[in-house]
Amino acid sequence: MKERSKWRERLNILSIKIENGNSYQVSQAITELKVRLNPCGYFDNNNFYKDGHVWALLKNNNTNIVDQKTKKQLIKYIGLFLNHDWERCKRESLHWCFIPYEILGGTLAFLSLMSILYTKLLMFNSYADERLFLRINLLIFFVLAVMILIIEGIFFFLKKKENEKYITFVKKYREEINDITKNK
């Protein structure tokens, strides 16, 4: 995570250099940007996941000296990179919120086992009605099953919502890249 944070910070600095720097600083910033881009995009200009749109823009300018329009496009692309990477980071770290679910599921399983064992122990140590203990076991099992299904449903819903947000973001990302590319 720290590596990606440094990467995002460096891209911010590069975008500032491209926007405000003199021709030498812009040239240096573009050279460093080329090093930080996904190299697979150099050969696949249509794949925005591999930074192909940026490579296509940079290939059109054989030198690292760019005009204002290209600078604006590069800065927009860098902004989109940063936004996309941030969303991806949030999505990748999302699984940590599901750890309580795993702990809760384990706790419920443990409690159900212990309650069944406890009722069996009571049944063997006393002369109570066996049907009563069977009913207690079934009730405990039913309550725990319902709790597990409810918890499963809640976390499924939360995960589905996060996936929908990410898919919407990726669609917007692709549309923005297409809009920028069309405005060349």
C-alpha atoms as a PDB file:
ATOM      1  CA  MET A   1       0.000   0.000   0.000  1.00  0.00           C
ATOM      2  CA  LYS A   2       2.856   2.375   0.751  1.00  0.00           C
ATOM      3  CA  GLU A   3       4.290   1.691  -2.701  1.00  0.00           C
ATOM      4  CA  ARG A   4       1.041   2.687  -4.337  1.00  0.00           C
ATOM      5  CA  SER A   5       0.773   5.740  -2.130  1.00  0.00           C
ATOM      6  CA  LYS A   6       4.249   6.804  -3.242  1.00  0.00           C
ATOM      7  CA  TRP A   7       3.275   6.082  -6.855  1.00  0.00           C
ATOM      8  CA  ARG A   8       0.185   8.311  -6.559  1.00  0.00           C
ATOM      9  CA  GLU A   9       2.217  11.042  -4.880  1.00  0.00           C
ATOM     10  CA  ARG A  10       4.821  10.898  -7.646  1.00  0.00           C
ATOM     11  CA  LEU A  11       2.126  11.111 -10.332  1.00  0.00           C
ATOM     12  CA  ASN A  12       0.775  14.230  -8.612  1.00  0.00           C
ATOM     13  CA  ILE A  13       4.228  15.793  -8.773  1.00  0.00           C
ATOM     14  CA  LEU A  14       4.603  14.798 -12.429  1.00  0.00           C
ATOM     15  CA  SER A  15       1.274  16.380 -13.333  1.00  0.00           C
ATOM     16  CA  ILE A  16       2.342  19.629 -11.649  1.00  0.00           C
ATOM     17  CA  LYS A  17       5.636  19.559 -13.566  1.00  0.00           C
ATOM     18  CA  ILE A  18       3.814  18.932 -16.841  1.00  0.00           C
ATOM     19  CA  GLU A  19       1.382  21.771 -16.149  1.00  0.00           C
ATOM     20  CA  ASN A  20       3.751  24.428 -14.789  1.00  0.00           C
ATOM     21  CA  GLY A  21       7.256  23.401 -15.772  1.00  0.00           C
ATOM     22  CA  ASN A  22       9.514  24.766 -18.460  1.00  0.00           C
ATOM     23  CA  SER A  23      10.183  22.640 -21.551  1.00  0.00           C
ATOM     24  CA  TYR A  24      13.080  20.794 -19.883  1.00  0.00           C
ATOM     25  CA  GLN A  25      11.011  19.937 -16.769  1.00  0.00           C
ATOM     26  CA  VAL A  26       8.081  18.854 -18.937  1.00  0.00           C
ATOM     27  CA  SER A  27      10.387  16.633 -20.973  1.00  0.00           C
ATOM     28  CA  GLN A  28      11.786  15.060 -17.799  1.00  0.00           C
ATOM     29  CA  ALA A  29       8.312  14.569 -16.355  1.00  0.00           C
ATOM     30  CA  ILE A  30       7.068  12.864 -19.522  1.00  0.00           C
ATOM     31  CA  THR A  31      10.105  10.586 -19.572  1.00  0.00           C
ATOM     32  CA  GLU A  32       9.429   9.586 -15.968  1.00  0.00           C
ATOM     33  CA  LEU A  33       5.741   9.135 -16.760  1.00  0.00           C
ATOM     34  CA  LYS A  34       6.686   6.713 -19.550  1.00  0.00           C
ATOM     35  CA  VAL A  35       8.705   4.703 -17.048  1.00  0.00           C
ATOM     36  CA  ARG A  36       5.786   4.589 -14.602  1.00  0.00           C
ATOM     37  CA  LEU A  37       3.184   3.564 -17.182  1.00  0.00           C
ATOM     38  CA  ASN A  38       2.162  -0.017 -17.860  1.00  0.00           C
ATOM     39  CA  PRO A  39       4.494  -1.080 -20.713  1.00  0.00           C
ATOM     40  CA  CYS A  40       1.893  -3.473 -22.165  1.00  0.00           C
ATOM     41  CA  GLY A  41      -0.184  -0.470 -23.196  1.00  0.00           C
ATOM     42  CA  TYR A  42       2.542   0.593 -25.607  1.00  0.00           C
ATOM     43  CA  PHE A  43       1.502  -2.259 -27.892  1.00  0.00           C
ATOM     44  CA  ASP A  44      -2.212  -2.251 -27.072  1.00  0.00           C
ATOM     45  CA  ASN A  45      -3.444   1.314 -27.495  1.00  0.00           C
ATOM     46  CA  ASN A  46      -7.100   0.337 -27.091  1.00  0.00           C
ATOM     47  CA  ASN A  47      -6.752  -1.151 -23.612  1.00  0.00           C
ATOM     48  CA  PHE A  48      -7.198   1.593 -21.031  1.00  0.00           C
ATOM     49  CA  TYR A  49      -6.399  -0.820 -18.192  1.00  0.00           C
ATOM     50  CA  LYS A  50      -2.889  -1.051 -19.618  1.00  0.00           C
ATOM     51  CA  ASP A  51      -2.589   2.725 -20.123  1.00  0.00           C
ATOM     52  CA  GLY A  52      -2.883   2.310 -23.896  1.00  0.00           C
ATOM     53  CA  HIS A  53      -4.659   5.653 -24.309  1.00  0.00           C
ATOM     54  CA  VAL A  54      -1.714   7.493 -22.739  1.00  0.00           C
ATOM     55  CA  TRP A  55       0.798   5.597 -24.850  1.00  0.00           C
ATOM     56  CA  ALA A  56      -1.200   6.512 -27.968  1.00  0.00           C
ATOM     57  CA  LEU A  57      -1.058  10.171 -26.961  1.00  0.00           C
ATOM     58  CA  LEU A  58       2.675  10.029 -26.239  1.00  0.00           C
ATOM     59  CA  LYS A  59       3.453   8.129 -29.459  1.00  0.00           C
ATOM     60  CA  ASN A  60       1.899  10.944 -31.486  1.00  0.00           C
ATOM     61  CA  ASN A  61       4.555  13.253 -30.044  1.00  0.00           C
ATOM     62  CA  ASN A  62       7.887  11.663 -30.850  1.00  0.00           C
ATOM     63  CA  THR A  63       9.671  14.249 -28.764  1.00  0.00           C
ATOM     64  CA  ASN A  64       8.863  14.966 -25.163  1.00  0.00           C
ATOM     65  CA  ILE A  65       7.980  18.551 -26.033  1.00  0.00           C
ATOM     66  CA  VAL A  66       4.210  18.820 -26.025  1.00  0.00           C
ATOM     67  CA  ASP A  67       1.713  21.537 -26.789  1.00  0.00           C
ATOM     68  CA  GLN A  68      -0.866  22.899 -24.351  1.00  0.00           C
ATOM     69  CA  LYS A  69      -3.658  20.646 -25.625  1.00  0.00           C
ATOM     70  CA  THR A  70      -1.562  17.509 -25.098  1.00  0.00           C
ATOM     71  CA  LYS A  71      -0.528  18.763 -21.655  1.00  0.00           C
ATOM     72  CA  LYS A  72      -4.176  19.149 -20.680  1.00  0.00           C
ATOM     73  CA  GLN A  73      -4.949  15.653 -21.939  1.00  0.00           C
ATOM     74  CA  LEU A  74      -2.003  14.174 -20.035  1.00  0.00           C
ATOM     75  CA  ILE A  75      -3.055  15.921 -16.847  1.00  0.00           C
ATOM     76  CA  LYS A  76      -6.628  14.636 -17.254  1.00  0.00           C
ATOM     77  CA  TYR A  77      -5.285  11.130 -17.828  1.00  0.00           C
ATOM     78  CA  ILE A  78      -3.078  11.356 -14.744  1.00  0.00           C
ATOM     79  CA  GLY A  79      -6.078  12.559 -12.743  1.00  0.00           C
ATOM     80  CA  LEU A  80      -8.049   9.574 -13.997  1.00  0.00           C
ATOM     81  CA  PHE A  81      -5.136   7.260 -13.104  1.00  0.00           C
ATOM     82  CA  LEU A  82      -5.097   8.598  -9.583  1.00  0.00           C
ATOM     83  CA  ASN A  83      -8.852   8.353  -9.214  1.00  0.00           C
ATOM     84  CA  HIS A  84      -8.943   4.814 -10.627  1.00  0.00           C
ATOM     85  CA  ASP A  85      -6.059   3.670  -8.442  1.00  0.00           C
ATOM     86  CA  TRP A  86      -7.694   5.169  -5.363  1.00  0.00           C
ATOM     87  CA  GLU A  87     -10.967   3.364  -6.113  1.00  0.00           C
ATOM     88  CA  ARG A  88      -9.065   0.129  -6.707  1.00  0.00           C
ATOM     89  CA  CYS A  89      -7.232   0.552  -3.385  1.00  0.00           C
ATOM     90  CA  LYS A  90     -10.514   1.078  -1.568  1.00  0.00           C
ATOM     91  CA  ARG A  91     -11.964  -1.983  -3.266  1.00  0.00           C
ATOM     92  CA  GLU A  92      -8.959  -4.166  -2.436  1.00  0.00           C
ATOM     93  CA  SER A  93      -9.011  -3.123   1.199  1.00  0.00           C
ATOM     94  CA  LEU A  94     -12.760  -3.723   1.396  1.00  0.00           C
ATOM     95  CA  HIS A  95     -12.284  -7.372   2.349  1.00  0.00           C
ATOM     96  CA  TRP A  96     -11.031  -6.249   5.764  1.00  0.00           C
ATOM     97  CA  CYS A  97     -14.546  -5.180   6.673  1.00  0.00           C
ATOM     98  CA  PHE A  98     -15.673  -8.780   6.173  1.00  0.00           C
ATOM     99  CA  ILE A  99     -13.358 -10.139   8.884  1.00  0.00           C
ATOM    100  CA  PRO A 100     -15.999  -9.478  11.583  1.00  0.00           C
ATOM    101  CA  TYR A 101     -18.317 -11.652   9.490  1.00  0.00           C
ATOM    102  CA  GLU A 102     -15.823 -14.530   9.643  1.00  0.00           C
ATOM    103  CA  ILE A 103     -15.396 -14.040  13.383  1.00  0.00           C
ATOM    104  CA  LEU A 104     -19.160 -13.861  13.851  1.00  0.00           C
ATOM    105  CA  GLY A 105     -19.704 -17.001  11.762  1.00  0.00           C
ATOM    106  CA  GLY A 106     -17.098 -18.905  13.759  1.00  0.00           C
ATOM    107  CA  THR A 107     -18.614 -17.699  17.013  1.00  0.00           C
ATOM    108  CA  LEU A 108     -22.082 -18.813  15.932  1.00  0.00           C
ATOM    109  CA  ALA A 109     -20.788 -22.235  14.927  1.00  0.00           C
ATOM    110  CA  PHE A 110     -18.975 -22.572  18.256  1.00  0.00           C
ATOM    111  CA  LEU A 111     -22.057 -21.497  20.222  1.00  0.00           C
ATOM    112  CA  SER A 112     -24.288 -23.921  18.371  1.00  0.00           C
ATOM    113  CA  LEU A 113     -21.903 -26.813  19.013  1.00  0.00           C
ATOM    114  CA  MET A 114     -21.545 -25.899  22.680  1.00  0.00           C
ATOM    115  CA  SER A 115     -25.303 -25.539  23.173  1.00  0.00           C
ATOM    116  CA  ILE A 116     -25.977 -28.914  21.565  1.00  0.00           C
ATOM    117  CA  LEU A 117     -23.270 -30.549  23.684  1.00  0.00           C
ATOM    118  CA  TYR A 118     -24.653 -28.866  26.802  1.00  0.00           C
ATOM    119  CA  THR A 119     -28.168 -30.135  26.166  1.00  0.00           C
ATOM    120  CA  LYS A 120     -26.806 -33.636  25.525  1.00  0.00           C
ATOM    121  CA  LEU A 121     -24.897 -33.452  28.797  1.00  0.00           C
ATOM    122  CA  LEU A 122     -28.040 -32.377  30.647  1.00  0.00           C
ATOM    123  CA  MET A 123     -29.977 -35.156  28.992  1.00  0.00           C
ATOM    124  CA  PHE A 124     -27.534 -37.833  30.122  1.00  0.00           C
ATOM    125  CA  ASN A 125     -27.195 -36.444  33.648  1.00  0.00           C
ATOM    126  CA  SER A 126     -30.883 -36.188  34.379  1.00  0.00           C
ATOM    127  CA  TYR A 127     -34.011 -38.122  33.778  1.00  0.00           C
ATOM    128  CA  ALA A 128     -35.819 -35.340  31.976  1.00  0.00           C
ATOM    129  CA  ASP A 129     -37.959 -35.849  28.935  1.00  0.00           C
ATOM    130  CA  GLU A 130     -35.849 -36.606  25.843  1.00  0.00           C
ATOM    131  CA  ARG A 131     -38.383 -34.896  23.585  1.00  0.00           C
ATOM    132  CA  LEU A 132     -37.872 -31.643  25.481  1.00  0.00           C
ATOM    133  CA  PHE A 133     -34.115 -31.756  24.846  1.00  0.00           C
ATOM    134  CA  LEU A 134     -34.710 -32.628  21.202  1.00  0.00           C
ATOM    135  CA  ARG A 135     -37.015 -29.621  20.882  1.00  0.00           C
ATOM    136  CA  ILE A 136     -34.425 -27.389  22.559  1.00  0.00           C
ATOM    137  CA  ASN A 137     -31.742 -28.660  20.158  1.00  0.00           C
ATOM    138  CA  LEU A 138     -33.977 -28.068  17.143  1.00  0.00           C
ATOM    139  CA  LEU A 139     -34.891 -24.591  18.379  1.00  0.00           C
ATOM    140  CA  ILE A 140     -31.225 -23.688  18.921  1.00  0.00           C
ATOM    141  CA  PHE A 141     -30.326 -25.055  15.490  1.00  0.00           C
ATOM    142  CA  PHE A 142     -33.198 -23.155  13.847  1.00  0.00           C
ATOM    143  CA  VAL A 143     -32.336 -19.839  15.550  1.00  0.00           C
ATOM    144  CA  LEU A 144     -28.653 -20.150  14.642  1.00  0.00           C
ATOM    145  CA  ALA A 145     -29.491 -21.084  11.034  1.00  0.00           C
ATOM    146  CA  VAL A 146     -31.761 -18.039  10.708  1.00  0.00           C
ATOM    147  CA  MET A 147     -29.074 -15.785  12.227  1.00  0.00           C
ATOM    148  CA  ILE A 148     -26.456 -17.123   9.810  1.00  0.00           C
ATOM    149  CA  LEU A 149     -28.784 -16.586   6.826  1.00  0.00           C
ATOM    150  CA  ILE A 150     -29.574 -13.029   7.922  1.00  0.00           C
ATOM    151  CA  ILE A 151     -25.899 -12.183   8.411  1.00  0.00           C
ATOM    152  CA  GLU A 152     -25.014 -13.815   5.088  1.00  0.00           C
ATOM    153  CA  GLY A 153     -27.715 -11.769   3.361  1.00  0.00           C
ATOM    154  CA  ILE A 154     -26.538  -8.503   4.893  1.00  0.00           C
ATOM    155  CA  PHE A 155     -22.928  -9.015   3.850  1.00  0.00           C
ATOM    156  CA  PHE A 156     -23.943 -10.243   0.388  1.00  0.00           C
ATOM    157  CA  PHE A 157     -25.979  -7.069  -0.073  1.00  0.00           C
ATOM    158  CA  LEU A 158     -23.076  -4.859   1.081  1.00  0.00           C
ATOM    159  CA  LYS A 159     -20.616  -6.595  -1.233  1.00  0.00           C
ATOM    160  CA  LYS A 160     -23.051  -6.366  -4.152  1.00  0.00           C
ATOM    161  CA  LYS A 161     -23.463  -2.615  -3.576  1.00  0.00           C
ATOM    162  CA  GLU A 162     -19.674  -2.115  -3.559  1.00  0.00           C
ATOM    163  CA  ASN A 163     -19.327  -4.108  -6.786  1.00  0.00           C
ATOM    164  CA  GLU A 164     -22.032  -2.002  -8.434  1.00  0.00           C
ATOM    165  CA  LYS A 165     -20.261   1.208  -7.370  1.00  0.00           C
ATOM    166  CA  TYR A 166     -16.968  -0.027  -8.799  1.00  0.00           C
ATOM    167  CA  ILE A 167     -18.542  -1.115 -12.097  1.00  0.00           C
ATOM    168  CA  THR A 168     -20.206   2.296 -12.410  1.00  0.00           C
ATOM    169  CA  PHE A 169     -16.878   3.988 -11.708  1.00  0.00           C
ATOM    170  CA  VAL A 170     -15.083   1.899 -14.367  1.00  0.00           C
ATOM    171  CA  LYS A 171     -17.771   2.752 -16.931  1.00  0.00           C
ATOM    172  CA  LYS A 172     -17.390   6.476 -16.153  1.00  0.00           C
ATOM    173  CA  TYR A 173     -13.606   6.115 -16.354  1.00  0.00           C
ATOM    174  CA  ARG A 174     -13.860   4.526 -19.794  1.00  0.00           C
ATOM    175  CA  GLU A 175     -16.327   7.192 -20.988  1.00  0.00           C
ATOM    176  CA  GLU A 176     -14.068  10.020 -19.801  1.00  0.00           C
ATOM    177  CA  ILE A 177     -11.094   8.495 -21.605  1.00  0.00           C
ATOM    178  CA  ASN A 178     -13.166   8.133 -24.777  1.00  0.00           C
ATOM    179  CA  ASP A 179     -14.347  11.756 -24.472  1.00  0.00           C
ATOM    180  CA  ILE A 180     -10.799  13.024 -24.013  1.00  0.00           C
ATOM    181  CA  THR A 181      -9.570  10.912 -26.929  1.00  0.00           C
ATOM    182  CA  LYS A 182     -12.374  12.170 -29.203  1.00  0.00           C
ATOM    183  CA  ASN A 183     -11.556  15.798 -28.363  1.00  0.00           C
ATOM    184  CA  LYS A 184      -7.999  15.453 -29.657  1.00  0.00           C
END
